[in-house]
Amino acid sequence: MDMGKALEAACERAGIKRITPHTLKHTAITLAIQDGMEIAAAAEYFSTSVATIESYYWHHSPKHQESQKTIMSGLGKRR
């Protein structure tokens, strides 16, 4: 049995809509970034370009716009 057919059968048994290996990859990348995986490491591990990670996944990172958050939280609190 190939991967696609196995996945289809698993979805049928679970009573969920069909998903694809690409959907699972997308979910895995999102979860890894949310857990703090760095861009370069994610790109290498998932065989995906750095540009793709930055464009489609990086906003899920706790480090996304970290310096901007620091600046914005200090507005109006000048010494």
PDB file of N, CA and C in Angstrom:
ATOM      1  N   MET A   1       0.847  -1.174   0.000  1.00  0.00           N
ATOM      2  CA  MET A   1       0.000   0.000   0.000  1.00  0.00           C
ATOM      3  C   MET A   1       0.894   1.239   0.000  1.00  0.00           C
ATOM      4  N   ASP A   2       0.584   2.201  -0.830  1.00  0.00           N
ATOM      5  CA  ASP A   2       1.396   3.419  -0.852  1.00  0.00           C
ATOM      6  C   ASP A   2       0.913   4.404   0.219  1.00  0.00           C
ATOM      7  N   MET A   3       1.712   5.416   0.445  1.00  0.00           N
ATOM      8  CA  MET A   3       1.428   6.380   1.513  1.00  0.00           C
ATOM      9  C   MET A   3       0.080   7.077   1.323  1.00  0.00           C
ATOM     10  N   GLY A   4      -0.222   7.474   0.106  1.00  0.00           N
ATOM     11  CA  GLY A   4      -1.486   8.151  -0.168  1.00  0.00           C
ATOM     12  C   GLY A   4      -2.694   7.290   0.164  1.00  0.00           C
ATOM     13  N   LYS A   5      -2.631   6.027  -0.229  1.00  0.00           N
ATOM     14  CA  LYS A   5      -3.750   5.119   0.053  1.00  0.00           C
ATOM     15  C   LYS A   5      -3.854   4.821   1.545  1.00  0.00           C
ATOM     16  N   ALA A   6      -2.718   4.687   2.202  1.00  0.00           N
ATOM     17  CA  ALA A   6      -2.723   4.433   3.646  1.00  0.00           C
ATOM     18  C   ALA A   6      -3.322   5.624   4.388  1.00  0.00           C
ATOM     19  N   LEU A   7      -2.959   6.822   3.974  1.00  0.00           N
ATOM     20  CA  LEU A   7      -3.496   8.031   4.596  1.00  0.00           C
ATOM     21  C   LEU A   7      -4.997   8.149   4.355  1.00  0.00           C
ATOM     22  N   GLU A   8      -5.407   7.856   3.138  1.00  0.00           N
ATOM     23  CA  GLU A   8      -6.825   7.888   2.801  1.00  0.00           C
ATOM     24  C   GLU A   8      -7.613   6.889   3.662  1.00  0.00           C
ATOM     25  N   ALA A   9      -7.092   5.691   3.825  1.00  0.00           N
ATOM     26  CA  ALA A   9      -7.759   4.669   4.634  1.00  0.00           C
ATOM     27  C   ALA A   9      -7.825   5.095   6.103  1.00  0.00           C
ATOM     28  N   ALA A  10      -6.756   5.703   6.604  1.00  0.00           N
ATOM     29  CA  ALA A  10      -6.738   6.170   7.994  1.00  0.00           C
ATOM     30  C   ALA A  10      -7.780   7.265   8.209  1.00  0.00           C
ATOM     31  N   CYS A  11      -7.897   8.163   7.257  1.00  0.00           N
ATOM     32  CA  CYS A  11      -8.901   9.231   7.351  1.00  0.00           C
ATOM     33  C   CYS A  11     -10.311   8.645   7.341  1.00  0.00           C
ATOM     34  N   GLU A  12     -10.515   7.675   6.488  1.00  0.00           N
ATOM     35  CA  GLU A  12     -11.826   7.033   6.410  1.00  0.00           C
ATOM     36  C   GLU A  12     -12.179   6.358   7.742  1.00  0.00           C
ATOM     37  N   ARG A  13     -11.219   5.635   8.312  1.00  0.00           N
ATOM     38  CA  ARG A  13     -11.460   4.977   9.601  1.00  0.00           C
ATOM     39  C   ARG A  13     -11.731   5.985  10.717  1.00  0.00           C
ATOM     40  N   ALA A  14     -11.076   7.138  10.642  1.00  0.00           N
ATOM     41  CA  ALA A  14     -11.241   8.167  11.680  1.00  0.00           C
ATOM     42  C   ALA A  14     -12.477   9.029  11.444  1.00  0.00           C
ATOM     43  N   GLY A  15     -13.074   8.883  10.269  1.00  0.00           N
ATOM     44  CA  GLY A  15     -14.266   9.667   9.963  1.00  0.00           C
ATOM     45  C   GLY A  15     -13.982  11.136   9.695  1.00  0.00           C
ATOM     46  N   ILE A  16     -12.804  11.419   9.135  1.00  0.00           N
ATOM     47  CA  ILE A  16     -12.458  12.804   8.804  1.00  0.00           C
ATOM     48  C   ILE A  16     -12.275  12.955   7.304  1.00  0.00           C
ATOM     49  N   LYS A  17     -12.328  14.212   6.860  1.00  0.00           N
ATOM     50  CA  LYS A  17     -12.108  14.485   5.443  1.00  0.00           C
ATOM     51  C   LYS A  17     -10.708  14.046   5.054  1.00  0.00           C
ATOM     52  N   ARG A  18     -10.553  13.777   3.800  1.00  0.00           N
ATOM     53  CA  ARG A  18      -9.243  13.366   3.300  1.00  0.00           C
ATOM     54  C   ARG A  18      -8.235  14.486   3.491  1.00  0.00           C
ATOM     55  N   ILE A  19      -7.059  14.127   3.950  1.00  0.00           N
ATOM     56  CA  ILE A  19      -5.952  15.062   4.046  1.00  0.00           C
ATOM     57  C   ILE A  19      -4.812  14.526   3.185  1.00  0.00           C
ATOM     58  N   THR A  20      -3.851  15.355   2.917  1.00  0.00           N
ATOM     59  CA  THR A  20      -2.740  14.952   2.062  1.00  0.00           C
ATOM     60  C   THR A  20      -1.428  14.994   2.844  1.00  0.00           C
ATOM     61  N   PRO A  21      -0.403  14.333   2.343  1.00  0.00           N
ATOM     62  CA  PRO A  21       0.912  14.443   2.980  1.00  0.00           C
ATOM     63  C   PRO A  21       1.368  15.906   3.060  1.00  0.00           C
ATOM     64  N   HIS A  22       1.004  16.707   2.054  1.00  0.00           N
ATOM     65  CA  HIS A  22       1.380  18.127   2.067  1.00  0.00           C
ATOM     66  C   HIS A  22       0.716  18.843   3.245  1.00  0.00           C
ATOM     67  N   THR A  23      -0.537  18.517   3.529  1.00  0.00           N
ATOM     68  CA  THR A  23      -1.237  19.116   4.672  1.00  0.00           C
ATOM     69  C   THR A  23      -0.519  18.758   5.967  1.00  0.00           C
ATOM     70  N   LEU A  24      -0.094  17.511   6.087  1.00  0.00           N
ATOM     71  CA  LEU A  24       0.632  17.087   7.285  1.00  0.00           C
ATOM     72  C   LEU A  24       1.966  17.814   7.413  1.00  0.00           C
ATOM     73  N   LYS A  25       2.657  18.037   6.288  1.00  0.00           N
ATOM     74  CA  LYS A  25       3.921  18.772   6.305  1.00  0.00           C
ATOM     75  C   LYS A  25       3.672  20.211   6.760  1.00  0.00           C
ATOM     76  N   HIS A  26       2.635  20.829   6.235  1.00  0.00           N
ATOM     77  CA  HIS A  26       2.285  22.202   6.609  1.00  0.00           C
ATOM     78  C   HIS A  26       2.033  22.287   8.116  1.00  0.00           C
ATOM     79  N   THR A  27       1.285  21.332   8.648  1.00  0.00           N
ATOM     80  CA  THR A  27       0.988  21.309  10.076  1.00  0.00           C
ATOM     81  C   THR A  27       2.262  21.106  10.891  1.00  0.00           C
ATOM     82  N   ALA A  28       3.120  20.197  10.451  1.00  0.00           N
ATOM     83  CA  ALA A  28       4.368  19.919  11.170  1.00  0.00           C
ATOM     84  C   ALA A  28       5.273  21.153  11.207  1.00  0.00           C
ATOM     85  N   ILE A  29       5.384  21.861  10.092  1.00  0.00           N
ATOM     86  CA  ILE A  29       6.210  23.071  10.061  1.00  0.00           C
ATOM     87  C   ILE A  29       5.630  24.120  11.005  1.00  0.00           C
ATOM     88  N   THR A  30       4.326  24.325  10.949  1.00  0.00           N
ATOM     89  CA  THR A  30       3.682  25.312  11.820  1.00  0.00           C
ATOM     90  C   THR A  30       3.936  24.995  13.285  1.00  0.00           C
ATOM     91  N   LEU A  31       3.762  23.742  13.672  1.00  0.00           N
ATOM     92  CA  LEU A  31       3.974  23.349  15.065  1.00  0.00           C
ATOM     93  C   LEU A  31       5.438  23.513  15.478  1.00  0.00           C
ATOM     94  N   ALA A  32       6.361  23.174  14.590  1.00  0.00           N
ATOM     95  CA  ALA A  32       7.790  23.316  14.903  1.00  0.00           C
ATOM     96  C   ALA A  32       8.151  24.783  15.113  1.00  0.00           C
ATOM     97  N   ILE A  33       7.645  25.660  14.269  1.00  0.00           N
ATOM     98  CA  ILE A  33       7.910  27.095  14.397  1.00  0.00           C
ATOM     99  C   ILE A  33       7.280  27.629  15.683  1.00  0.00           C
ATOM    100  N   GLN A  34       6.068  27.201  15.990  1.00  0.00           N
ATOM    101  CA  GLN A  34       5.415  27.633  17.232  1.00  0.00           C
ATOM    102  C   GLN A  34       6.207  27.193  18.463  1.00  0.00           C
ATOM    103  N   ASP A  35       6.893  26.069  18.346  1.00  0.00           N
ATOM    104  CA  ASP A  35       7.708  25.566  19.458  1.00  0.00           C
ATOM    105  C   ASP A  35       9.088  26.214  19.514  1.00  0.00           C
ATOM    106  N   GLY A  36       9.384  27.105  18.580  1.00  0.00           N
ATOM    107  CA  GLY A  36      10.635  27.854  18.630  1.00  0.00           C
ATOM    108  C   GLY A  36      11.716  27.430  17.670  1.00  0.00           C
ATOM    109  N   MET A  37      11.425  26.524  16.731  1.00  0.00           N
ATOM    110  CA  MET A  37      12.446  26.126  15.761  1.00  0.00           C
ATOM    111  C   MET A  37      12.842  27.353  14.926  1.00  0.00           C
ATOM    112  N   GLU A  38      14.130  27.501  14.710  1.00  0.00           N
ATOM    113  CA  GLU A  38      14.643  28.629  13.924  1.00  0.00           C
ATOM    114  C   GLU A  38      14.386  28.417  12.432  1.00  0.00           C
ATOM    115  N   ILE A  39      14.397  29.512  11.687  1.00  0.00           N
ATOM    116  CA  ILE A  39      14.098  29.483  10.254  1.00  0.00           C
ATOM    117  C   ILE A  39      15.025  28.535   9.498  1.00  0.00           C
ATOM    118  N   ALA A  40      16.328  28.695   9.676  1.00  0.00           N
ATOM    119  CA  ALA A  40      17.286  27.873   8.925  1.00  0.00           C
ATOM    120  C   ALA A  40      17.137  26.398   9.258  1.00  0.00           C
ATOM    121  N   ALA A  41      16.925  26.099  10.525  1.00  0.00           N
ATOM    122  CA  ALA A  41      16.765  24.698  10.938  1.00  0.00           C
ATOM    123  C   ALA A  41      15.495  24.104  10.331  1.00  0.00           C
ATOM    124  N   ALA A  42      14.411  24.862  10.326  1.00  0.00           N
ATOM    125  CA  ALA A  42      13.154  24.385   9.742  1.00  0.00           C
ATOM    126  C   ALA A  42      13.310  24.166   8.242  1.00  0.00           C
ATOM    127  N   ALA A  43      13.960  25.103   7.573  1.00  0.00           N
ATOM    128  CA  ALA A  43      14.160  24.978   6.126  1.00  0.00           C
ATOM    129  C   ALA A  43      14.943  23.711   5.799  1.00  0.00           C
ATOM    130  N   GLU A  44      15.998  23.456   6.563  1.00  0.00           N
ATOM    131  CA  GLU A  44      16.807  22.258   6.319  1.00  0.00           C
ATOM    132  C   GLU A  44      16.036  20.986   6.664  1.00  0.00           C
ATOM    133  N   TYR A  45      15.423  20.956   7.822  1.00  0.00           N
ATOM    134  CA  TYR A  45      14.733  19.747   8.282  1.00  0.00           C
ATOM    135  C   TYR A  45      13.579  19.353   7.360  1.00  0.00           C
ATOM    136  N   PHE A  46      12.801  20.347   6.924  1.00  0.00           N
ATOM    137  CA  PHE A  46      11.614  20.066   6.119  1.00  0.00           C
ATOM    138  C   PHE A  46      11.869  20.185   4.611  1.00  0.00           C
ATOM    139  N   SER A  47      13.133  20.396   4.221  1.00  0.00           N
ATOM    140  CA  SER A  47      13.486  20.548   2.800  1.00  0.00           C
ATOM    141  C   SER A  47      12.610  21.595   2.129  1.00  0.00           C
ATOM    142  N   THR A  48      12.549  22.747   2.769  1.00  0.00           N
ATOM    143  CA  THR A  48      11.739  23.870   2.308  1.00  0.00           C
ATOM    144  C   THR A  48      12.634  25.097   2.323  1.00  0.00           C
ATOM    145  N   SER A  49      12.435  26.011   1.410  1.00  0.00           N
ATOM    146  CA  SER A  49      13.313  27.177   1.344  1.00  0.00           C
ATOM    147  C   SER A  49      13.126  28.104   2.540  1.00  0.00           C
ATOM    148  N   VAL A  50      14.186  28.830   2.858  1.00  0.00           N
ATOM    149  CA  VAL A  50      14.123  29.840   3.910  1.00  0.00           C
ATOM    150  C   VAL A  50      13.045  30.863   3.570  1.00  0.00           C
ATOM    151  N   ALA A  51      12.954  31.244   2.295  1.00  0.00           N
ATOM    152  CA  ALA A  51      11.943  32.224   1.877  1.00  0.00           C
ATOM    153  C   ALA A  51      10.525  31.730   2.161  1.00  0.00           C
ATOM    154  N   THR A  52      10.275  30.448   1.940  1.00  0.00           N
ATOM    155  CA  THR A  52       8.945  29.884   2.209  1.00  0.00           C
ATOM    156  C   THR A  52       8.652  29.887   3.707  1.00  0.00           C
ATOM    157  N   ILE A  53       9.644  29.508   4.506  1.00  0.00           N
ATOM    158  CA  ILE A  53       9.452  29.515   5.957  1.00  0.00           C
ATOM    159  C   ILE A  53       9.148  30.935   6.425  1.00  0.00           C
ATOM    160  N   GLU A  54       9.914  31.908   5.939  1.00  0.00           N
ATOM    161  CA  GLU A  54       9.693  33.301   6.331  1.00  0.00           C
ATOM    162  C   GLU A  54       8.321  33.806   5.888  1.00  0.00           C
ATOM    163  N   SER A  55       7.931  33.477   4.675  1.00  0.00           N
ATOM    164  CA  SER A  55       6.681  34.000   4.120  1.00  0.00           C
ATOM    165  C   SER A  55       5.430  33.369   4.698  1.00  0.00           C
ATOM    166  N   TYR A  56       5.467  32.071   4.925  1.00  0.00           N
ATOM    167  CA  TYR A  56       4.238  31.360   5.274  1.00  0.00           C
ATOM    168  C   TYR A  56       4.148  30.853   6.711  1.00  0.00           C
ATOM    169  N   TYR A  57       5.275  30.770   7.407  1.00  0.00           N
ATOM    170  CA  TYR A  57       5.254  30.136   8.724  1.00  0.00           C
ATOM    171  C   TYR A  57       5.801  30.997   9.862  1.00  0.00           C
ATOM    172  N   TRP A  58       6.712  31.908   9.577  1.00  0.00           N
ATOM    173  CA  TRP A  58       7.430  32.610  10.637  1.00  0.00           C
ATOM    174  C   TRP A  58       6.514  33.411  11.561  1.00  0.00           C
ATOM    175  N   HIS A  59       5.393  33.881  11.065  1.00  0.00           N
ATOM    176  CA  HIS A  59       4.489  34.661  11.931  1.00  0.00           C
ATOM    177  C   HIS A  59       3.931  33.824  13.081  1.00  0.00           C
ATOM    178  N   HIS A  60       4.094  32.513  13.031  1.00  0.00           N
ATOM    179  CA  HIS A  60       3.668  31.641  14.125  1.00  0.00           C
ATOM    180  C   HIS A  60       4.711  31.558  15.248  1.00  0.00           C
ATOM    181  N   SER A  61       5.892  32.090  15.008  1.00  0.00           N
ATOM    182  CA  SER A  61       6.980  31.982  15.978  1.00  0.00           C
ATOM    183  C   SER A  61       6.799  32.940  17.148  1.00  0.00           C
ATOM    184  N   PRO A  62       7.148  32.476  18.356  1.00  0.00           N
ATOM    185  CA  PRO A  62       7.117  33.398  19.495  1.00  0.00           C
ATOM    186  C   PRO A  62       8.162  34.512  19.348  1.00  0.00           C
ATOM    187  N   LYS A  63       9.122  34.315  18.450  1.00  0.00           N
ATOM    188  CA  LYS A  63      10.162  35.323  18.217  1.00  0.00           C
ATOM    189  C   LYS A  63       9.784  36.316  17.119  1.00  0.00           C
ATOM    190  N   HIS A  64       8.661  36.078  16.455  1.00  0.00           N
ATOM    191  CA  HIS A  64       8.228  36.954  15.372  1.00  0.00           C
ATOM    192  C   HIS A  64       7.976  38.357  15.920  1.00  0.00           C
ATOM    193  N   GLN A  65       8.596  39.323  15.313  1.00  0.00           N
ATOM    194  CA  GLN A  65       8.470  40.742  15.675  1.00  0.00           C
ATOM    195  C   GLN A  65       8.814  41.012  17.135  1.00  0.00           C
ATOM    196  N   GLU A  66       9.748  40.241  17.666  1.00  0.00           N
ATOM    197  CA  GLU A  66      10.147  40.377  19.065  1.00  0.00           C
ATOM    198  C   GLU A  66      10.651  41.781  19.389  1.00  0.00           C
ATOM    199  N   SER A  67      11.533  42.326  18.549  1.00  0.00           N
ATOM    200  CA  SER A  67      12.069  43.658  18.836  1.00  0.00           C
ATOM    201  C   SER A  67      10.995  44.734  18.693  1.00  0.00           C
ATOM    202  N   GLN A  68      10.066  44.541  17.741  1.00  0.00           N
ATOM    203  CA  GLN A  68       8.982  45.502  17.580  1.00  0.00           C
ATOM    204  C   GLN A  68       8.062  45.500  18.803  1.00  0.00           C
ATOM    205  N   LYS A  69       7.815  44.308  19.358  1.00  0.00           N
ATOM    206  CA  LYS A  69       6.977  44.211  20.558  1.00  0.00           C
ATOM    207  C   LYS A  69       7.622  44.950  21.724  1.00  0.00           C
ATOM    208  N   THR A  70       8.936  44.813  21.858  1.00  0.00           N
ATOM    209  CA  THR A  70       9.655  45.488  22.933  1.00  0.00           C
ATOM    210  C   THR A  70       9.525  47.003  22.786  1.00  0.00           C
ATOM    211  N   ILE A  71       9.714  47.490  21.577  1.00  0.00           N
ATOM    212  CA  ILE A  71       9.610  48.931  21.325  1.00  0.00           C
ATOM    213  C   ILE A  71       8.192  49.420  21.618  1.00  0.00           C
ATOM    214  N   MET A  72       7.204  48.710  21.112  1.00  0.00           N
ATOM    215  CA  MET A  72       5.813  49.150  21.293  1.00  0.00           C
ATOM    216  C   MET A  72       5.391  49.100  22.766  1.00  0.00           C
ATOM    217  N   SER A  73       5.889  48.151  23.522  1.00  0.00           N
ATOM    218  CA  SER A  73       5.493  48.063  24.931  1.00  0.00           C
ATOM    219  C   SER A  73       6.108  49.188  25.760  1.00  0.00           C
ATOM    220  N   GLY A  74       7.133  49.845  25.213  1.00  0.00           N
ATOM    221  CA  GLY A  74       7.778  50.943  25.935  1.00  0.00           C
ATOM    222  C   GLY A  74       7.291  52.316  25.531  1.00  0.00           C
ATOM    223  N   LEU A  75       6.363  52.391  24.585  1.00  0.00           N
ATOM    224  CA  LEU A  75       5.874  53.700  24.141  1.00  0.00           C
ATOM    225  C   LEU A  75       5.247  54.469  25.305  1.00  0.00           C
ATOM    226  N   GLY A  76       5.592  55.734  25.407  1.00  0.00           N
ATOM    227  CA  GLY A  76       5.044  56.588  26.448  1.00  0.00           C
ATOM    228  C   GLY A  76       5.698  56.379  27.800  1.00  0.00           C
ATOM    229  N   LYS A  77       6.716  55.561  27.851  1.00  0.00           N
ATOM    230  CA  LYS A  77       7.394  55.279  29.123  1.00  0.00           C
ATOM    231  C   LYS A  77       8.850  55.738  29.072  1.00  0.00           C
ATOM    232  N   ARG A  78       9.067  56.840  28.376  1.00  0.00           N
ATOM    233  CA  ARG A  78      10.447  57.326  28.223  1.00  0.00           C
ATOM    234  C   ARG A  78      11.000  57.809  29.563  1.00  0.00           C
ATOM    235  N   ARG A  79      12.288  57.599  29.710  1.00  0.00           N
ATOM    236  CA  ARG A  79      12.941  58.015  30.965  1.00  0.00           C
ATOM    237  C   ARG A  79      13.191  59.473  30.989  1.00  0.00           C
TER     238      ARG A  79
END
